[in-house]
């Protein structure tokens, strides 16, 4: 029997599952549900149009502890965000009251959705922010149709740009050269997201625990973040803008690209803070995702920040280890970024 909880429950971890139409989101969702074991999952389904269909495709028959909530009044990227927030608040209320038990939430967006308003809800909507914690964004990419989708649909590039993991589907339907070409293109769009096919075994459940949006040290999560040496299948772009030698490469036919800013040393917190504030004021609408680890002068701890568009947060992470090189790094994924201006501002702030 479910009973109300006398103590506040911890925030609910959330995974956003996105990707263009036909990329295989529902297939992956079914696999995540099957691999979840004892983890109880609530699923929020967003449908485009008045009648939802994907809810009937989710394999919950063998998992009665899976709760599906369909949002059928439009696209989650526009007017439906209020409905999404109400649905999330209702789920949390039922969990607090003891009438519904779940440990994690997976939110699957329609293939036509820009993930930005969805992710922002977990930072700006008070009733959501206080009861949920965004764990990560998974973006599925259809290896057959993605090249044309990226050419023709800005939202497809936005979905790639927001990803914490890029999962290539339908790779068996194209040759190795096509997969490599697409992988390189995805790296240009999103320099920070590992790229690989979805796991084929029980490791698929690991996708529900990325810790990608937690404001702790990204180096604790991924020790290779600064080195550029990544395991096979988890490749990232080598594009780096250095305070002494700036280099930036972007695809002319992609609307979204990555910029990596690196300074080999400590920075002044006021100067770098002013740079970030100016960056958000000038480019905030076009900055999809960004994350930084900064070495601040006269402070033994790493300053970690990340954000979505104009919504950002800062926190101090673990101390720098003795003998460890203090280095400042910012990764920005955005639309039509003026790379030269951003690099110049970063260089000036690092002096």
Protein backbone atom coordinates (compact mmCIF):
# COMPACT_ATOMS: atom_id res chain seq x y z
CA UNK A 1 0.00 0.00 0.00
CA UNK A 2 1.31 3.46 -0.85
CA UNK A 3 1.41 5.94 2.03
CA UNK A 4 2.41 9.61 2.13
CA UNK A 5 6.04 10.31 2.93
CA UNK A 6 6.81 12.14 6.17
CA UNK A 7 10.13 13.44 4.84
CA UNK A 8 10.65 15.30 1.54
CA UNK A 9 11.69 12.95 -1.22
CA UNK A 10 14.88 13.60 -3.18
CA UNK A 11 14.57 15.31 -6.59
CA UNK A 12 13.52 13.04 -9.45
CA UNK A 13 16.23 12.45 -12.11
CA UNK A 14 15.01 13.19 -15.64
CA UNK A 15 16.25 12.00 -19.02
CA UNK A 16 15.08 13.86 -22.13
CA UNK A 17 14.88 11.62 -25.18
CA UNK A 18 14.87 13.51 -28.47
CA UNK A 19 15.67 13.07 -32.14
CA UNK A 20 14.03 13.77 -35.48
CA UNK A 21 10.98 11.87 -36.75
CA UNK A 22 11.69 8.19 -37.31
CA UNK A 23 15.05 8.11 -35.54
CA UNK A 24 13.98 5.30 -33.20
CA UNK A 25 13.12 7.09 -29.95
CA UNK A 26 10.26 4.78 -28.97
CA UNK A 27 12.37 1.71 -29.76
CA UNK A 28 15.11 2.96 -27.45
CA UNK A 29 12.55 3.88 -24.80
CA UNK A 30 11.23 0.33 -24.81
CA UNK A 31 14.77 -0.98 -24.39
CA UNK A 32 15.42 1.42 -21.51
CA UNK A 33 12.24 0.25 -19.81
CA UNK A 34 13.16 -3.41 -20.29
CA UNK A 35 16.68 -2.86 -18.93
CA UNK A 36 15.64 -0.74 -15.94
CA UNK A 37 15.42 -3.70 -13.57
CA UNK A 38 14.06 -2.62 -10.21
CA UNK A 39 14.18 1.06 -11.17
CA UNK A 40 10.64 2.44 -11.41
CA UNK A 41 10.18 4.81 -14.35
CA UNK A 42 7.56 7.37 -15.25
CA UNK A 43 7.34 8.24 -18.94
CA UNK A 44 6.03 11.54 -20.26
CA UNK A 45 5.10 11.23 -23.94
CA UNK A 46 4.63 14.29 -26.11
CA UNK A 47 2.65 13.87 -29.33
CA UNK A 48 2.35 16.25 -32.26
CA UNK A 49 -1.34 16.59 -33.07
CA UNK A 50 -4.59 16.00 -31.27
CA UNK A 51 -4.39 12.23 -30.93
CA UNK A 52 -1.46 10.48 -29.28
CA UNK A 53 -0.22 7.21 -30.73
CA UNK A 54 3.21 6.52 -29.24
CA UNK A 55 1.80 5.81 -25.79
CA UNK A 56 0.23 2.67 -27.23
CA UNK A 57 3.58 1.61 -28.65
CA UNK A 58 5.42 1.67 -25.33
CA UNK A 59 5.85 -1.81 -23.93
CA UNK A 60 4.44 -1.36 -20.45
CA UNK A 61 2.39 -4.55 -20.31
CA UNK A 62 5.19 -6.38 -18.54
CA UNK A 63 6.02 -3.36 -16.36
CA UNK A 64 2.89 -2.19 -14.52
CA UNK A 65 5.10 0.22 -12.55
CA UNK A 66 5.70 2.27 -15.71
CA UNK A 67 3.46 5.35 -15.87
CA UNK A 68 2.84 6.94 -19.27
CA UNK A 69 1.57 10.52 -19.54
CA UNK A 70 0.65 11.67 -23.06
CA UNK A 71 0.69 15.36 -23.92
CA UNK A 72 -1.56 15.66 -26.96
CA UNK A 73 -2.29 19.38 -27.25
CA UNK A 74 0.45 20.43 -29.63
CA UNK A 75 4.21 20.43 -29.80
CA UNK A 76 6.12 20.54 -26.53
CA UNK A 77 8.45 23.15 -28.00
CA UNK A 78 5.73 25.82 -28.01
CA UNK A 79 2.44 26.31 -26.16
CA UNK A 80 2.36 22.88 -24.59
CA UNK A 81 5.22 23.65 -22.19
CA UNK A 82 2.69 24.79 -19.60
CA UNK A 83 0.91 21.46 -19.95
CA UNK A 84 4.20 19.64 -19.58
CA UNK A 85 4.99 21.51 -16.38
CA UNK A 86 1.55 20.76 -15.00
CA UNK A 87 1.95 17.08 -15.87
CA UNK A 88 5.32 16.95 -14.14
CA UNK A 89 3.95 18.72 -11.07
CA UNK A 90 1.01 16.31 -10.94
CA UNK A 91 3.35 13.30 -11.11
CA UNK A 92 5.49 14.73 -8.31
CA UNK A 93 2.36 15.43 -6.20
CA UNK A 94 1.21 11.85 -6.63
CA UNK A 95 4.67 10.59 -5.71
CA UNK A 96 4.76 12.78 -2.59
CA UNK A 97 1.27 11.62 -1.61
CA UNK A 98 2.31 7.99 -1.91
CA UNK A 99 -0.24 7.20 -4.62
CA UNK A 100 2.38 6.75 -7.35
CA UNK A 101 5.85 5.33 -6.88
CA UNK A 102 8.64 6.00 -9.37
CA UNK A 103 12.37 6.64 -9.19
CA UNK A 104 13.17 8.30 -12.53
CA UNK A 105 11.37 10.07 -15.34
CA UNK A 106 11.95 9.81 -19.10
CA UNK A 107 10.50 12.60 -21.23
CA UNK A 108 10.24 11.72 -24.92
CA UNK A 109 9.67 14.74 -27.16
CA UNK A 110 8.06 14.73 -30.56
CA UNK A 111 10.52 14.49 -33.44
CA UNK A 112 9.65 18.07 -34.43
CA UNK A 113 10.57 19.58 -31.05
CA UNK A 114 13.42 21.95 -30.27
CA UNK A 115 14.71 20.66 -26.89
CA UNK A 116 15.41 24.17 -25.56
CA UNK A 117 12.06 24.95 -23.88
CA UNK A 118 11.91 21.43 -22.50
CA UNK A 119 15.32 21.70 -20.86
CA UNK A 120 14.64 25.25 -19.67
CA UNK A 121 11.53 24.13 -17.79
CA UNK A 122 13.79 22.28 -15.35
CA UNK A 123 15.52 25.54 -14.49
CA UNK A 124 12.88 28.29 -14.73
CA UNK A 125 9.57 26.66 -13.73
CA UNK A 126 9.62 26.73 -9.94
CA UNK A 127 7.33 23.76 -9.40
CA UNK A 128 9.52 21.68 -11.72
CA UNK A 129 12.95 23.01 -10.70
CA UNK A 130 12.49 22.17 -7.04
CA UNK A 131 11.29 18.60 -7.58
CA UNK A 132 13.23 17.35 -10.58
CA UNK A 133 16.87 17.31 -11.63
CA UNK A 134 17.76 17.10 -15.31
CA UNK A 135 20.21 14.22 -15.74
CA UNK A 136 20.89 14.40 -19.47
CA UNK A 137 19.64 14.70 -23.03
CA UNK A 138 19.83 11.73 -25.40
CA UNK A 139 19.53 12.51 -29.11
CA UNK A 140 18.96 9.74 -31.63
CA UNK A 141 20.28 10.34 -35.15
CA UNK A 142 18.98 8.34 -38.12
CA UNK A 143 22.09 7.47 -40.16
CA UNK A 144 20.02 7.08 -43.33
CA UNK A 145 18.08 10.34 -43.28
CA UNK A 146 20.13 12.63 -41.02
CA UNK A 147 22.25 14.24 -43.78
CA UNK A 148 19.13 15.53 -45.57
CA UNK A 149 17.42 16.43 -42.28
CA UNK A 150 20.42 18.50 -41.19
CA UNK A 151 20.38 20.27 -44.56
CA UNK A 152 16.68 21.05 -44.48
CA UNK A 153 15.54 21.19 -40.83
CA UNK A 154 17.06 23.59 -38.30
CA UNK A 155 15.42 21.70 -35.46
CA UNK A 156 17.40 18.57 -36.41
CA UNK A 157 20.65 20.48 -35.86
CA UNK A 158 19.30 21.93 -32.60
CA UNK A 159 18.52 18.43 -31.33
CA UNK A 160 22.11 17.41 -32.08
CA UNK A 161 23.48 20.54 -30.46
CA UNK A 162 21.64 19.94 -27.18
CA UNK A 163 22.73 16.32 -26.82
CA UNK A 164 24.79 14.90 -23.99
CA UNK A 165 24.91 11.62 -25.95
CA UNK A 166 24.44 11.19 -29.70
CA UNK A 167 23.12 7.74 -30.57
CA UNK A 168 23.41 6.66 -34.21
CA UNK A 169 20.61 4.39 -35.42
CA UNK A 170 20.13 2.46 -38.70
CA UNK A 171 23.88 2.28 -39.30
CA UNK A 172 23.36 -1.17 -40.81
CA UNK A 173 21.53 0.46 -43.72
CA UNK A 174 24.46 2.65 -44.84
CA UNK A 175 28.10 1.94 -45.60
CA UNK A 176 31.09 2.76 -43.41
CA UNK A 177 32.01 5.84 -45.42
CA UNK A 178 28.55 7.33 -44.90
CA UNK A 179 28.71 6.63 -41.17
CA UNK A 180 32.13 8.30 -40.92
CA UNK A 181 30.99 11.34 -42.90
CA UNK A 182 27.93 11.75 -40.69
CA UNK A 183 30.00 11.27 -37.54
CA UNK A 184 32.39 14.02 -38.59
CA UNK A 185 29.48 16.32 -39.32
CA UNK A 186 27.94 15.63 -35.91
CA UNK A 187 31.29 16.38 -34.27
CA UNK A 188 31.35 19.77 -35.95
CA UNK A 189 27.89 20.51 -34.60
CA UNK A 190 28.44 19.17 -31.08
CA UNK A 191 32.02 18.86 -29.86
CA UNK A 192 31.18 17.64 -26.38
CA UNK A 193 28.75 14.73 -26.92
CA UNK A 194 30.09 11.18 -27.34
CA UNK A 195 28.86 9.56 -30.57
CA UNK A 196 28.05 5.85 -30.78
CA UNK A 197 25.23 3.45 -31.67
CA UNK A 198 22.84 2.70 -28.78
CA UNK A 199 24.25 -0.04 -26.52
CA UNK A 200 23.06 -3.50 -27.52
CA UNK A 201 23.21 -5.08 -24.08
CA UNK A 202 22.29 -4.30 -20.50
CA UNK A 203 24.52 -1.22 -20.60
CA UNK A 204 21.64 0.65 -22.21
CA UNK A 205 20.47 1.34 -18.65
CA UNK A 206 23.62 3.42 -18.15
CA UNK A 207 22.06 6.05 -20.40
CA UNK A 208 19.73 6.88 -17.52
CA UNK A 209 22.60 8.04 -15.29
CA UNK A 210 24.73 10.51 -17.25
CA UNK A 211 24.94 13.25 -14.57
CA UNK A 212 25.38 15.61 -17.51
CA UNK A 213 23.44 18.54 -16.06
CA UNK A 214 24.75 18.41 -12.52
CA UNK A 215 26.88 21.38 -11.58
CA UNK A 216 29.80 19.33 -10.39
CA UNK A 217 33.19 18.93 -11.97
CA UNK A 218 32.92 17.52 -15.49
CA UNK A 219 36.41 16.12 -15.07
CA UNK A 220 35.13 13.89 -12.30
CA UNK A 221 32.55 12.52 -14.76
CA UNK A 222 34.88 12.39 -17.77
CA UNK A 223 38.62 12.57 -16.95
CA UNK A 224 39.45 12.77 -20.68
CA UNK A 225 37.46 15.97 -21.19
CA UNK A 226 40.53 18.21 -21.40
CA UNK A 227 42.90 15.82 -23.12
CA UNK A 228 40.99 15.02 -26.29
CA UNK A 229 41.86 11.30 -25.88
CA UNK A 230 38.50 9.56 -25.97
CA UNK A 231 37.62 5.89 -26.21
CA UNK A 232 36.65 4.53 -29.60
CA UNK A 233 33.01 5.34 -30.27
CA UNK A 234 33.15 8.33 -27.93
CA UNK A 235 34.97 10.70 -30.24
CA UNK A 236 34.79 14.46 -29.92
CA UNK A 237 35.86 17.34 -32.03
CA UNK A 238 39.43 18.55 -31.87
CA UNK A 239 38.35 22.11 -32.60
CA UNK A 240 40.00 24.37 -30.02
CA UNK A 241 40.23 28.09 -29.58
CA UNK A 242 43.33 28.88 -27.51
CA UNK A 243 44.04 32.21 -25.88
CA UNK A 244 47.34 32.29 -27.76
CA UNK A 245 46.40 30.54 -31.02
CA UNK A 246 42.71 30.47 -31.92
CA UNK A 247 41.37 28.00 -34.42
CA UNK A 248 37.76 27.30 -35.26
CA UNK A 249 36.18 25.11 -37.90
CA UNK A 250 32.51 24.99 -38.78
CA UNK A 251 30.43 23.44 -41.49
CA UNK A 252 28.94 25.97 -43.87
CA UNK A 253 25.82 23.89 -44.38
CA UNK A 254 25.14 23.29 -40.68
CA UNK A 255 23.26 25.88 -38.67
CA UNK A 256 24.76 24.69 -35.37
CA UNK A 257 28.45 24.32 -34.52
CA UNK A 258 30.81 23.98 -31.57
CA UNK A 259 33.40 26.35 -30.20
CA UNK A 260 35.97 25.30 -27.60
CA UNK A 261 37.82 28.02 -25.71
CA UNK A 262 40.92 27.05 -23.74
CA UNK A 263 43.38 29.07 -21.66
CA UNK A 264 46.43 27.33 -20.15
CA UNK A 265 46.28 29.00 -16.78
CA UNK A 266 44.17 30.74 -14.16
CA UNK A 267 41.78 33.60 -14.92
CA UNK A 268 40.49 36.60 -13.00
CA UNK A 269 36.99 35.80 -11.78
CA UNK A 270 35.66 39.33 -12.36
CA UNK A 271 37.05 39.59 -15.88
CA UNK A 272 35.87 36.15 -16.94
CA UNK A 273 32.49 36.79 -15.27
CA UNK A 274 32.08 39.98 -17.27
CA UNK A 275 33.00 38.07 -20.44
CA UNK A 276 30.35 35.41 -19.76
CA UNK A 277 27.72 38.06 -18.97
CA UNK A 278 28.49 39.87 -22.21
CA UNK A 279 28.45 36.60 -24.10
CA UNK A 280 24.98 35.78 -22.80
CA UNK A 281 23.70 39.27 -23.55
CA UNK A 282 24.97 39.16 -27.12
CA UNK A 283 24.59 35.47 -28.01
CA UNK A 284 22.29 33.98 -25.37
CA UNK A 285 19.44 33.23 -27.75
CA UNK A 286 21.79 31.36 -30.08
CA UNK A 287 23.78 29.47 -27.41
CA UNK A 288 22.12 26.08 -27.13
CA UNK A 289 24.38 24.48 -24.53
CA UNK A 290 27.59 25.54 -22.85
CA UNK A 291 29.76 24.29 -20.03
CA UNK A 292 32.99 25.51 -18.52
CA UNK A 293 35.62 24.53 -15.97
CA UNK A 294 37.67 27.53 -14.86
CA UNK A 295 40.86 27.90 -12.85
CA UNK A 296 40.28 31.05 -10.81
CA UNK A 297 43.25 32.99 -9.46
CA UNK A 298 43.75 32.73 -5.71
CA UNK A 299 41.09 30.03 -5.38
CA UNK A 300 42.01 26.35 -4.85
CA UNK A 301 38.70 25.05 -6.29
CA UNK A 302 37.50 24.66 -9.85
CA UNK A 303 34.70 27.01 -10.88
CA UNK A 304 32.16 25.03 -12.91
CA UNK A 305 29.33 26.56 -14.90
CA UNK A 306 26.85 25.50 -17.54
CA UNK A 307 23.64 26.70 -19.07
CA UNK A 308 20.93 26.63 -21.71
CA UNK A 309 20.45 29.84 -23.71
CA UNK A 310 20.38 32.68 -21.13
CA UNK A 311 19.83 30.44 -18.13
CA UNK A 312 23.11 29.63 -16.41
CA UNK A 313 24.45 28.45 -13.07
CA UNK A 314 27.83 28.52 -11.33
CA UNK A 315 29.25 26.37 -8.55
CA UNK A 316 32.66 25.48 -7.13
CA UNK A 317 33.81 21.91 -7.69
CA UNK A 318 36.64 19.91 -6.24
CA UNK A 319 40.01 21.51 -5.45
CA UNK A 320 42.82 21.34 -7.98
CA UNK A 321 45.18 18.50 -7.11
CA UNK A 322 48.74 19.22 -6.13
CA UNK A 323 50.89 19.38 -9.24
CA UNK A 324 47.86 19.39 -11.54
CA UNK A 325 47.94 21.88 -14.40
CA UNK A 326 45.38 24.62 -13.80
CA UNK A 327 43.54 25.21 -17.05
CA UNK A 328 40.35 27.03 -18.06
CA UNK A 329 38.03 25.54 -20.66
CA UNK A 330 34.65 26.59 -22.09
CA UNK A 331 32.64 24.57 -24.62
CA UNK A 332 29.86 26.39 -26.48
CA UNK A 333 27.34 24.84 -28.88
CA UNK A 334 25.26 27.38 -30.72
CA UNK A 335 23.69 28.73 -33.89
CA UNK A 336 25.60 31.09 -36.17
CA UNK A 337 28.19 31.97 -33.54
CA UNK A 338 30.61 34.80 -34.34
CA UNK A 339 33.63 32.69 -33.47
CA UNK A 340 36.21 35.44 -34.06
CA UNK A 341 34.43 37.92 -31.76
CA UNK A 342 33.92 35.30 -29.03
CA UNK A 343 37.56 34.20 -29.21
CA UNK A 344 38.75 37.80 -29.03
CA UNK A 345 36.61 38.46 -25.97
CA UNK A 346 37.87 35.31 -24.29
CA UNK A 347 41.48 36.22 -25.02
CA UNK A 348 40.99 39.68 -23.53
CA UNK A 349 39.34 38.25 -20.41
CA UNK A 350 42.22 35.82 -19.87
CA UNK A 351 44.98 38.45 -19.84
